[in-house]
Each structure stands twice: as C-alpha cells, then as structure tokens.
N, C-alpha and C. Protein backbone atom coordinates (compact mmCIF):
# COMPACT_ATOMS: atom_id res chain seq x y z
N MET A 1 179.41 133.13 148.16
CA MET A 1 178.92 132.03 148.34
C MET A 1 177.20 132.47 148.75
N THR A 2 176.23 131.98 147.99
CA THR A 2 174.88 132.60 148.03
C THR A 2 174.25 131.18 148.68
N ASP A 3 173.22 131.65 149.56
CA ASP A 3 172.80 130.66 150.28
C ASP A 3 171.27 130.24 149.57
N SER A 4 171.56 128.83 149.44
CA SER A 4 170.25 128.29 148.15
C SER A 4 169.08 127.72 149.26
N SER A 5 169.27 128.12 150.74
CA SER A 5 168.28 127.74 151.03
C SER A 5 166.98 128.93 151.23
N PRO A 6 165.74 128.44 151.09
CA PRO A 6 164.65 129.49 151.07
C PRO A 6 164.92 130.83 152.42
N SER A 7 164.37 131.68 152.29
CA SER A 7 164.68 132.50 153.89
C SER A 7 163.53 132.40 154.47
N ARG A 8 163.87 132.56 155.83
CA ARG A 8 163.08 132.22 157.00
C ARG A 8 161.40 132.89 156.70
N GLU A 9 161.83 133.90 155.88
CA GLU A 9 160.48 134.76 155.72
C GLU A 9 159.53 134.33 154.71
N SER A 10 159.98 133.28 153.66
CA SER A 10 159.12 132.87 153.06
C SER A 10 158.47 131.41 153.07
N MET A 11 159.23 130.59 154.17
CA MET A 11 158.69 129.45 154.67
C MET A 11 157.72 129.22 155.60
N PRO A 12 156.73 128.38 155.39
CA PRO A 12 155.57 128.32 156.35
C PRO A 12 155.69 128.06 157.57
N ARG A 13 155.03 128.53 158.51
CA ARG A 13 154.94 128.07 160.04
C ARG A 13 154.54 126.84 160.02
N PRO A 14 154.93 126.55 161.31
CA PRO A 14 154.87 124.41 161.42
C PRO A 14 153.60 124.44 161.53
N ASP A 15 152.88 125.49 162.08
CA ASP A 15 151.34 125.10 161.96
C ASP A 15 150.41 125.29 160.55
N GLY A 16 151.30 125.54 159.86
CA GLY A 16 150.67 126.04 158.40
C GLY A 16 150.33 127.27 157.93
N LEU A 17 149.96 128.17 158.77
CA LEU A 17 149.92 129.45 158.69
C LEU A 17 150.73 130.33 157.99
N PRO A 18 150.47 131.33 157.13
CA PRO A 18 151.55 132.12 156.80
C PRO A 18 152.22 132.91 157.63
N ARG A 19 153.58 133.32 157.62
CA ARG A 19 154.35 134.07 158.57
C ARG A 19 153.65 135.67 158.32
N ARG A 20 153.70 136.31 159.66
CA ARG A 20 153.04 137.52 159.29
C ARG A 20 154.48 138.44 158.75
N ARG A 21 154.08 139.34 158.18
CA ARG A 21 154.95 140.61 157.47
C ARG A 21 154.70 141.74 158.12
N GLY A 22 155.67 142.25 158.43
CA GLY A 22 155.44 143.73 158.86
C GLY A 22 156.05 143.81 160.49
N LYS A 23 155.44 144.34 161.58
CA LYS A 23 156.30 144.66 162.52
C LYS A 23 156.35 143.56 163.51
N LYS A 24 157.21 143.67 163.97
CA LYS A 24 157.48 142.36 164.63
C LYS A 24 156.82 142.46 166.16
N PRO A 25 156.69 141.65 166.93
CA PRO A 25 155.86 141.80 168.21
C PRO A 25 156.85 142.39 169.16
N ALA A 26 156.44 143.15 170.28
CA ALA A 26 156.86 143.52 171.26
C ALA A 26 157.86 142.62 172.06
N ALA A 27 158.67 142.92 172.18
CA ALA A 27 159.55 141.81 173.24
C ALA A 27 159.28 142.24 174.48
N ASN A 28 158.58 143.11 175.25
CA ASN A 28 158.58 143.48 176.67
C ASN A 28 156.98 143.05 177.04
N VAL A 29 156.68 141.97 176.48
CA VAL A 29 155.40 141.51 177.02
C VAL A 29 155.76 140.88 178.43
N THR A 30 154.88 141.11 179.34
CA THR A 30 155.21 140.38 180.53
C THR A 30 153.83 139.73 180.65
N PRO A 31 154.22 138.54 181.81
CA PRO A 31 153.27 137.88 182.24
C PRO A 31 152.10 138.16 182.76
N ALA A 32 152.14 139.05 183.04
CA ALA A 32 150.66 139.57 183.68
C ALA A 32 149.89 140.43 182.67
N SER A 33 150.37 140.88 181.82
CA SER A 33 150.00 141.62 180.72
C SER A 33 149.35 140.50 179.67
N GLU A 34 150.32 139.28 179.34
CA GLU A 34 149.65 138.03 179.03
C GLU A 34 148.37 137.64 179.57
N SER A 35 148.64 137.82 181.10
CA SER A 35 147.28 136.89 181.34
C SER A 35 146.12 137.67 180.90
N ALA A 36 146.19 138.96 181.43
CA ALA A 36 145.13 140.15 181.09
C ALA A 36 144.66 140.18 179.63
N LEU A 37 145.50 139.83 178.51
CA LEU A 37 145.28 139.47 177.30
C LEU A 37 144.50 138.22 177.12
N ALA A 38 144.61 137.31 177.72
CA ALA A 38 144.21 135.74 178.00
C ALA A 38 142.76 136.11 178.56
N ASP A 39 142.66 137.07 179.55
CA ASP A 39 141.23 137.01 180.07
C ASP A 39 139.93 137.87 179.14
N ALA A 40 140.93 138.83 178.55
CA ALA A 40 140.02 139.58 177.49
C ALA A 40 139.46 138.48 176.45
N LEU A 41 140.51 138.00 175.89
CA LEU A 41 139.88 136.99 174.77
C LEU A 41 139.08 136.15 175.16
N GLU A 42 139.33 135.56 176.28
CA GLU A 42 138.16 134.70 176.86
C GLU A 42 136.70 135.21 177.23
N ALA A 43 136.57 136.50 177.57
CA ALA A 43 135.27 137.20 178.06
C ALA A 43 134.95 137.47 176.40
N GLU A 44 135.65 138.05 175.44
CA GLU A 44 135.11 138.12 174.15
C GLU A 44 134.74 136.76 173.28
N VAL A 45 135.10 135.61 173.55
CA VAL A 45 134.60 134.64 173.13
C VAL A 45 133.43 134.06 173.83
N GLU A 46 133.30 134.43 175.07
CA GLU A 46 132.11 133.72 176.00
C GLU A 46 130.73 135.02 175.63
N ALA A 47 131.33 136.03 175.06
CA ALA A 47 130.00 137.02 174.89
C ALA A 47 129.57 136.33 173.56
N GLN A 48 130.56 136.04 172.49
CA GLN A 48 130.27 135.65 171.24
C GLN A 48 129.30 134.45 171.22
N GLU A 49 129.71 133.83 172.24
CA GLU A 49 128.66 132.35 172.28
C GLU A 49 127.42 132.90 172.76
N ALA A 50 127.28 133.64 173.86
CA ALA A 50 126.06 133.96 174.21
C ALA A 50 125.20 134.66 173.32
N GLU A 51 125.59 135.20 172.68
CA GLU A 51 125.09 136.03 171.44
C GLU A 51 124.42 135.01 170.29
N SER A 52 125.24 133.88 170.29
CA SER A 52 124.77 132.90 169.19
C SER A 52 124.13 131.85 169.83
N ALA A 53 123.71 131.76 170.78
CA ALA A 53 123.08 130.42 171.76
C ALA A 53 121.79 131.04 171.60
N PRO A 54 120.71 129.98 171.38
CA PRO A 54 119.21 130.47 170.93
C PRO A 54 118.80 131.06 172.47
N PRO A 55 117.69 131.95 172.49
CA PRO A 55 117.25 132.39 173.51
C PRO A 55 116.28 131.32 174.39
N THR A 56 116.94 131.19 175.57
CA THR A 56 116.05 130.22 176.58
C THR A 56 114.61 131.18 176.84
N GLU A 57 113.36 130.52 176.74
CA GLU A 57 111.95 130.48 177.18
C GLU A 57 111.98 130.85 178.68
N PRO A 58 111.64 131.99 179.16
CA PRO A 58 111.25 131.76 180.72
C PRO A 58 110.46 130.88 181.13
N GLU A 59 110.37 130.41 182.15
CA GLU A 59 109.34 129.41 182.91
C GLU A 59 108.29 129.99 183.09
N ILE A 60 107.26 129.51 182.86
CA ILE A 60 105.80 129.82 182.66
C ILE A 60 104.87 129.35 183.77
N GLU A 61 104.57 129.64 184.53
CA GLU A 61 103.97 128.83 185.50
C GLU A 61 102.61 128.19 185.09
N GLU A 62 102.39 127.28 185.37
CA GLU A 62 101.14 126.33 184.52
C GLU A 62 100.24 126.92 185.09
N THR A 63 98.97 127.09 184.03
CA THR A 63 97.63 127.90 184.31
C THR A 63 96.81 126.77 185.20
N LEU A 64 95.82 127.51 185.72
CA LEU A 64 94.70 126.43 186.14
C LEU A 64 93.96 125.24 184.79
N ARG A 65 93.87 126.14 183.95
CA ARG A 65 93.18 125.67 183.01
C ARG A 65 93.94 124.40 182.58
N GLU A 66 95.30 124.69 182.38
CA GLU A 66 96.14 123.37 181.88
C GLU A 66 96.28 122.42 182.67
N ARG A 67 96.35 123.10 184.29
CA ARG A 67 96.34 121.99 185.15
C ARG A 67 95.23 120.86 184.87
N GLY A 68 93.91 121.71 185.03
CA GLY A 68 92.88 121.06 185.08
C GLY A 68 92.88 119.82 183.64
N ASN A 69 93.41 120.34 182.52
CA ASN A 69 93.34 119.59 181.24
C ASN A 69 94.11 118.28 181.44
N ARG A 70 95.14 118.46 181.98
CA ARG A 70 96.16 117.26 182.27
C ARG A 70 95.66 116.20 183.45
N LEU A 71 94.36 116.52 184.22
CA LEU A 71 93.98 115.44 184.97
C LEU A 71 93.65 114.60 184.67
N SER A 72 93.38 113.27 184.91
CA SER A 72 92.79 112.17 184.23
C SER A 72 91.13 112.00 185.20
N ALA A 73 90.55 111.46 184.29
CA ALA A 73 89.33 111.31 185.23
C ALA A 73 89.03 110.66 186.45
N LEU A 74 89.87 109.80 186.43
CA LEU A 74 90.09 109.17 188.11
C LEU A 74 90.54 110.14 189.04
N GLU A 75 91.49 110.80 188.82
CA GLU A 75 91.99 111.84 189.53
C GLU A 75 91.10 112.87 189.55
N ILE A 76 90.33 113.28 188.84
CA ILE A 76 88.87 114.15 188.80
C ILE A 76 88.25 113.93 189.97
N ALA A 77 87.80 112.30 189.50
CA ALA A 77 86.55 111.44 190.59
C ALA A 77 87.17 111.50 191.88
N ARG A 78 88.34 111.20 192.30
CA ARG A 78 88.69 111.17 193.50
C ARG A 78 88.76 112.61 194.16
N MET A 79 88.93 113.76 193.42
CA MET A 79 88.64 114.91 194.03
C MET A 79 87.59 115.20 194.51
N ILE A 80 86.59 114.60 193.67
CA ILE A 80 85.10 115.21 194.11
C ILE A 80 84.61 114.27 195.37
N VAL A 81 85.22 113.06 195.55
CA VAL A 81 84.95 112.23 196.28
C VAL A 81 85.59 112.89 197.53
N ASP A 82 86.60 113.28 197.49
CA ASP A 82 87.28 114.17 198.66
C ASP A 82 86.40 115.08 199.38
N ALA A 83 86.04 115.85 198.18
CA ALA A 83 85.42 117.16 198.67
C ALA A 83 84.05 117.12 199.11
N ALA A 84 83.41 115.85 198.31
CA ALA A 84 82.11 115.41 199.01
C ALA A 84 82.24 114.82 200.52
N GLU A 85 83.45 114.46 200.94
CA GLU A 85 83.54 113.64 202.07
C GLU A 85 83.69 114.99 203.09
N ASP A 86 84.28 116.08 202.62
CA ASP A 86 84.66 117.24 203.26
C ASP A 86 83.39 117.77 203.79
N LYS A 87 82.46 117.96 203.15
CA LYS A 87 81.03 118.23 203.27
C LYS A 87 80.02 117.35 204.08
N LYS A 88 80.80 116.28 204.23
CA LYS A 88 79.90 115.43 205.44
C LYS A 88 78.77 114.67 204.57
N ALA A 89 78.88 114.62 202.97
CA ALA A 89 78.24 113.80 202.28
C ALA A 89 78.11 112.03 202.94
N ALA A 90 76.94 111.65 202.83
CA ALA A 90 76.84 110.29 203.50
C ALA A 90 76.82 109.13 202.11
N ASP A 91 77.40 108.22 202.41
CA ASP A 91 77.22 106.89 201.52
C ASP A 91 77.77 107.21 200.28
N ILE A 92 78.89 107.54 200.11
CA ILE A 92 79.72 108.03 198.87
C ILE A 92 79.96 106.62 197.87
N VAL A 93 79.64 106.63 196.72
CA VAL A 93 80.14 105.49 195.80
C VAL A 93 80.76 106.20 194.59
N LEU A 94 81.74 105.47 194.12
CA LEU A 94 82.62 106.26 192.83
C LEU A 94 82.34 104.85 191.86
N LEU A 95 82.06 104.91 191.00
CA LEU A 95 81.63 103.73 189.80
C LEU A 95 82.47 103.73 188.55
N ASP A 96 82.78 102.98 188.31
CA ASP A 96 83.59 102.83 186.67
C ASP A 96 82.50 102.45 185.62
N VAL A 97 81.97 103.10 185.07
CA VAL A 97 80.97 103.09 184.04
C VAL A 97 81.86 102.85 182.68
N SER A 98 83.04 103.48 182.75
CA SER A 98 83.48 103.31 180.80
C SER A 98 83.34 102.24 180.12
N GLU A 99 82.98 100.94 180.72
CA GLU A 99 83.27 99.83 180.00
C GLU A 99 81.22 99.83 179.43
N LEU A 100 80.61 100.30 180.20
CA LEU A 100 78.90 100.25 180.26
C LEU A 100 78.54 101.30 179.34
N THR A 101 79.23 102.65 179.17
CA THR A 101 78.51 103.71 178.43
C THR A 101 79.67 104.64 177.90
N SER A 102 79.27 105.61 177.29
CA SER A 102 80.46 106.44 176.71
C SER A 102 80.17 107.69 177.04
N MET A 103 79.03 108.13 177.70
CA MET A 103 78.55 109.44 178.47
C MET A 103 79.55 109.78 179.51
N ALA A 104 79.95 108.85 179.86
CA ALA A 104 80.98 109.21 181.16
C ALA A 104 82.08 107.99 181.34
N ASP A 105 83.36 108.37 182.21
CA ASP A 105 83.97 107.21 182.65
C ASP A 105 83.59 106.74 183.70
N TYR A 106 83.01 107.76 185.16
CA TYR A 106 82.75 107.60 186.39
C TYR A 106 81.57 108.24 186.82
N PHE A 107 80.82 107.72 187.98
CA PHE A 107 79.86 108.45 188.60
C PHE A 107 80.13 108.29 190.03
N VAL A 108 80.17 109.54 190.45
CA VAL A 108 80.13 109.81 192.04
C VAL A 108 78.87 109.95 192.37
N ILE A 109 78.20 108.92 193.22
CA ILE A 109 77.06 109.02 193.87
C ILE A 109 77.06 108.96 195.10
N CYS A 110 76.42 110.29 196.14
CA CYS A 110 76.48 110.76 197.55
C CYS A 110 74.65 110.85 197.84
N SER A 111 74.67 111.28 199.28
CA SER A 111 73.57 111.43 199.94
C SER A 111 74.05 112.63 200.94
N GLY A 112 72.92 113.62 200.96
CA GLY A 112 72.68 114.75 201.88
C GLY A 112 71.77 114.61 202.68
N GLY A 113 71.88 115.31 203.98
CA GLY A 113 70.78 114.93 205.10
C GLY A 113 69.83 115.92 204.99
N SER A 114 69.80 116.88 204.30
CA SER A 114 69.18 118.08 204.29
C SER A 114 69.18 119.01 203.13
N GLU A 115 68.33 120.04 202.45
CA GLU A 115 68.55 120.36 201.34
C GLU A 115 69.65 121.50 201.60
N ARG A 116 69.57 122.20 202.72
CA ARG A 116 71.15 122.94 203.04
C ARG A 116 72.23 121.98 202.85
N GLN A 117 72.28 120.98 202.95
CA GLN A 117 73.66 120.09 202.87
C GLN A 117 73.77 119.49 201.35
N LEU A 118 72.42 119.43 200.46
CA LEU A 118 72.74 119.06 199.50
C LEU A 118 73.38 120.17 198.50
N GLY A 119 72.84 121.32 198.88
CA GLY A 119 73.48 122.59 198.03
C GLY A 119 75.01 122.85 198.52
N ALA A 120 75.42 122.72 199.67
CA ALA A 120 76.79 122.80 200.30
C ALA A 120 77.80 121.84 199.58
N ILE A 121 77.10 120.54 199.67
CA ILE A 121 77.91 119.34 198.83
C ILE A 121 78.51 119.90 197.34
N GLY A 122 77.13 120.14 196.56
CA GLY A 122 77.48 120.64 195.33
C GLY A 122 78.15 122.02 195.00
N ASP A 123 77.86 122.89 195.91
CA ASP A 123 78.86 124.12 195.84
C ASP A 123 80.55 123.20 196.11
N GLY A 124 80.54 122.86 197.44
CA GLY A 124 81.86 122.24 197.68
C GLY A 124 82.92 121.70 196.46
N VAL A 125 81.90 120.84 196.13
CA VAL A 125 82.57 120.26 195.10
C VAL A 125 82.69 121.09 193.88
N ALA A 126 82.12 121.60 193.46
CA ALA A 126 82.31 122.55 192.31
C ALA A 126 83.47 123.62 192.69
N GLU A 127 83.27 124.32 193.76
CA GLU A 127 84.54 125.15 194.15
C GLU A 127 85.90 124.26 194.21
N LYS A 128 86.42 123.32 194.58
CA LYS A 128 87.31 122.34 194.90
C LYS A 128 87.91 121.98 193.49
N LEU A 129 86.94 121.71 192.55
CA LEU A 129 87.38 121.46 191.05
C LEU A 129 87.51 122.79 190.22
N ARG A 130 87.04 123.96 190.79
CA ARG A 130 87.44 124.97 190.18
C ARG A 130 88.85 125.33 190.34
N ASP A 131 89.16 125.41 191.62
CA ASP A 131 90.42 125.73 192.47
C ASP A 131 91.62 124.79 191.80
N GLU A 132 91.33 123.86 191.09
CA GLU A 132 91.90 122.88 190.58
C GLU A 132 92.17 122.72 188.79
N GLY A 133 91.56 123.85 188.39
CA GLY A 133 91.35 124.21 187.39
C GLY A 133 90.30 123.62 186.19
N VAL A 134 89.27 123.02 186.96
CA VAL A 134 88.31 122.25 186.47
C VAL A 134 87.08 122.77 186.43
N ARG A 135 86.53 123.15 185.67
CA ARG A 135 84.86 123.40 185.72
C ARG A 135 83.92 122.53 185.23
N PRO A 136 82.83 122.64 185.83
CA PRO A 136 81.71 121.64 185.29
C PRO A 136 81.02 122.08 183.86
N ILE A 137 80.75 121.25 183.37
CA ILE A 137 80.02 121.53 182.14
C ILE A 137 78.38 121.96 182.37
N GLY A 138 78.04 121.46 183.14
CA GLY A 138 76.66 121.84 183.45
C GLY A 138 76.02 121.20 185.17
N ARG A 139 75.10 121.70 185.34
CA ARG A 139 74.51 121.58 186.58
C ARG A 139 72.83 121.54 186.70
N GLU A 140 72.54 120.76 187.00
CA GLU A 140 71.15 120.30 186.77
C GLU A 140 70.55 120.11 188.37
N GLY A 141 69.21 120.72 188.37
CA GLY A 141 68.55 120.48 189.90
C GLY A 141 69.06 121.48 190.75
N GLY A 142 68.30 121.76 192.00
CA GLY A 142 69.21 122.33 193.08
C GLY A 142 68.69 121.51 194.22
N SER A 143 69.26 122.33 195.43
CA SER A 143 68.74 121.62 196.54
C SER A 143 67.57 121.39 196.84
N ASN A 144 66.54 122.14 196.43
CA ASN A 144 65.20 122.02 196.54
C ASN A 144 64.50 120.87 195.84
N SER A 145 65.46 120.25 194.88
CA SER A 145 64.65 119.41 194.19
C SER A 145 64.94 118.18 194.61
N HIS A 146 65.72 117.72 195.26
CA HIS A 146 66.31 116.90 196.21
C HIS A 146 67.39 115.69 195.31
N TRP A 147 67.85 116.17 193.90
CA TRP A 147 68.71 115.61 193.36
C TRP A 147 69.33 116.52 192.48
N THR A 148 70.66 116.87 192.90
CA THR A 148 71.73 117.61 192.00
C THR A 148 72.44 116.71 191.26
N LEU A 149 72.68 117.40 189.87
CA LEU A 149 73.48 116.51 189.14
C LEU A 149 74.77 117.56 188.52
N LEU A 150 75.77 116.89 188.55
CA LEU A 150 77.23 118.06 188.30
C LEU A 150 77.85 117.11 186.94
N ASP A 151 78.24 117.83 186.02
CA ASP A 151 78.49 117.12 184.97
C ASP A 151 79.92 117.65 184.61
N PHE A 152 81.00 117.13 184.75
CA PHE A 152 82.37 117.05 184.51
C PHE A 152 82.78 116.81 183.55
N GLY A 153 82.02 116.31 182.33
CA GLY A 153 82.37 115.41 181.09
C GLY A 153 82.51 114.24 181.33
N ALA A 154 83.63 113.66 181.57
CA ALA A 154 84.20 112.30 182.05
C ALA A 154 83.85 111.59 183.42
N VAL A 155 83.10 112.45 184.57
CA VAL A 155 82.50 112.24 185.78
C VAL A 155 81.30 113.16 185.82
N ILE A 156 80.63 112.26 186.05
CA ILE A 156 79.09 112.63 186.47
C ILE A 156 78.87 112.57 188.02
N VAL A 157 78.41 113.59 188.94
CA VAL A 157 78.24 113.51 190.12
C VAL A 157 76.67 113.68 190.35
N HIS A 158 76.50 112.35 191.40
CA HIS A 158 74.83 112.64 191.51
C HIS A 158 74.65 112.92 193.18
N ILE A 159 74.04 113.73 193.31
CA ILE A 159 73.65 114.21 194.78
C ILE A 159 72.15 114.02 195.23
N PHE A 160 72.03 113.10 196.28
CA PHE A 160 70.63 112.71 196.23
C PHE A 160 70.09 113.22 197.70
N ALA A 161 69.04 113.38 198.12
CA ALA A 161 68.08 113.45 199.26
C ALA A 161 68.13 111.79 199.67
N PRO A 162 68.13 111.49 200.45
CA PRO A 162 67.85 109.73 200.99
C PRO A 162 66.71 109.34 200.54
N PRO A 163 65.38 109.71 200.48
CA PRO A 163 64.20 109.18 200.02
C PRO A 163 64.49 109.22 198.01
N GLU A 164 64.93 110.13 197.87
CA GLU A 164 65.09 109.92 196.35
C GLU A 164 66.08 109.01 195.61
N ARG A 165 67.41 108.99 196.45
CA ARG A 165 68.40 107.91 196.43
C ARG A 165 67.78 106.33 196.47
N ASP A 166 67.02 106.25 197.44
CA ASP A 166 66.14 104.75 197.62
C ASP A 166 65.50 104.93 196.31
N TYR A 167 64.85 105.91 195.84
CA TYR A 167 63.40 105.79 194.80
C TYR A 167 64.17 105.32 193.62
N TYR A 168 65.11 106.08 193.21
CA TYR A 168 66.09 105.84 191.89
C TYR A 168 67.43 104.71 191.76
N GLN A 169 67.50 104.31 192.76
CA GLN A 169 68.36 103.23 192.76
C GLN A 169 69.28 102.96 191.81
N LEU A 170 69.97 104.04 191.77
CA LEU A 170 71.36 104.21 190.78
C LEU A 170 72.11 103.21 190.70
N GLU A 171 72.91 102.75 191.66
CA GLU A 171 73.57 101.79 192.06
C GLU A 171 73.04 100.27 191.57
N ARG A 172 71.88 100.22 191.52
CA ARG A 172 71.51 99.12 191.19
C ARG A 172 70.89 98.95 189.48
N HIS A 173 70.80 100.13 189.34
CA HIS A 173 70.66 100.53 187.63
C HIS A 173 71.98 100.21 186.96
N TRP A 174 72.93 100.56 187.72
CA TRP A 174 74.35 100.62 187.11
C TRP A 174 75.19 99.34 187.90
N SER A 175 74.26 98.21 188.33
CA SER A 175 74.95 97.29 189.04
C SER A 175 76.14 96.36 188.38
N LYS A 176 76.39 96.12 187.15
CA LYS A 176 77.27 95.69 186.28
C LYS A 176 78.74 97.06 186.38
N ALA A 177 78.59 98.12 186.88
CA ALA A 177 79.65 98.60 186.73
C ALA A 177 80.59 98.51 187.72
N LYS A 178 82.10 98.52 187.69
CA LYS A 178 82.89 97.88 188.87
C LYS A 178 83.01 99.34 189.69
N THR A 179 82.71 98.92 191.13
CA THR A 179 82.55 99.61 192.33
C THR A 179 84.20 100.18 192.65
N VAL A 180 84.52 101.62 192.40
CA VAL A 180 86.01 101.86 192.83
C VAL A 180 86.36 101.92 194.27
N LEU A 181 85.14 102.84 194.74
CA LEU A 181 85.44 103.36 196.00
C LEU A 181 83.80 103.43 196.94
N ARG A 182 84.13 102.92 198.07
CA ARG A 182 82.54 103.25 198.86
C ARG A 182 83.40 104.09 200.01
N VAL A 183 82.28 105.07 200.47
CA VAL A 183 82.90 105.70 201.83
C VAL A 183 81.18 106.14 202.44
N GLN A 184 81.36 104.76 203.68
CA GLN A 184 80.05 105.21 204.48
C GLN A 184 79.75 105.79 205.45
C-alpha cells in the first residue's frame, strides 16, 4: 500500500515559508548557546539600525550674532536702560516712537553730569550690547560735544549733558510717544 498523502518535506511550513532541505540542525543546542545566539542577532540588528538612521547634528552653541538677531527691540531698549543705569545716568526715559516714525521703534534719552560720564555711559551701553551680540550701526558726537547718539537700528540712544537736554527738549518734541519707562 502506498501512502497517497504528500511527504512532510514537500508540504509548506505552517508559517508559509518553504522547508529547508539539506542538513538538519544539530540537536545539541543548549539554552546557553541559544541565548548567546539571540544576543548576537540582537546586536547585529541594532548595528544595522544605527547605520541606517540619519546622522544627528551636534548641538552648536548659539553665536553672539545669532543671539543679537533674536532679541526684540524692546529687549534691546531695556538692556540699554540697564546699562545706562549701571553707569549712573540721570533721568532715563524710554519712549515708544514706533507709531510716530519709521526710523526707530524706541528712543532712550538720558543725561550725564560731566563729559567723562557722558563718554562712560556711551561706552558702557555699547559694551553691554556688544556682549549680547548687538553692535551699534553708528555713533555720533563725543563726550566733548555734550550730546552722544548711539544708533542700534530699532533703538536710538541720546545721551545729553543737562544744558543740552534742556535746550533740545526731545521729550517735548516726541510728546505723543508712549513713555514706557522713566528712571529718575
């Protein structure tokens, strides 16, 4: 009598894959060697995944110029006020002129008691902002002219000797501007 059922080797495996032909696996596989094989296979898969993953860029520290570019005009104006206050400037006024003119968003107006103090205030403001990555576009006048102007683009700083501040009266000229801050 012949067996009409297909042989075990020609039948597909339950998972749908073809059966292997050739050597039968060794029957002396121990649980320890099976564990070592599993660990080796897992390490190989992890290595392949690491190779195929897109390379990550190293984190680069933000440069001063980038930090200066992300500061808002109001943040720059407040840093200017702080720097002027550190140099003992008198009667510091921060005006919002953004709705009145297109040349700047803020004016900082302050006074110094002597020519030396006018220079120190201007240098202190420029240095503090340079440390934050913001450089002045221009600087006009010196301490001996009794009026120093620092242009930071969106913020313009006026540093006066008291008689010149009284004479030019910028606060009165820009009286429609909103006073953001006044430090006496």
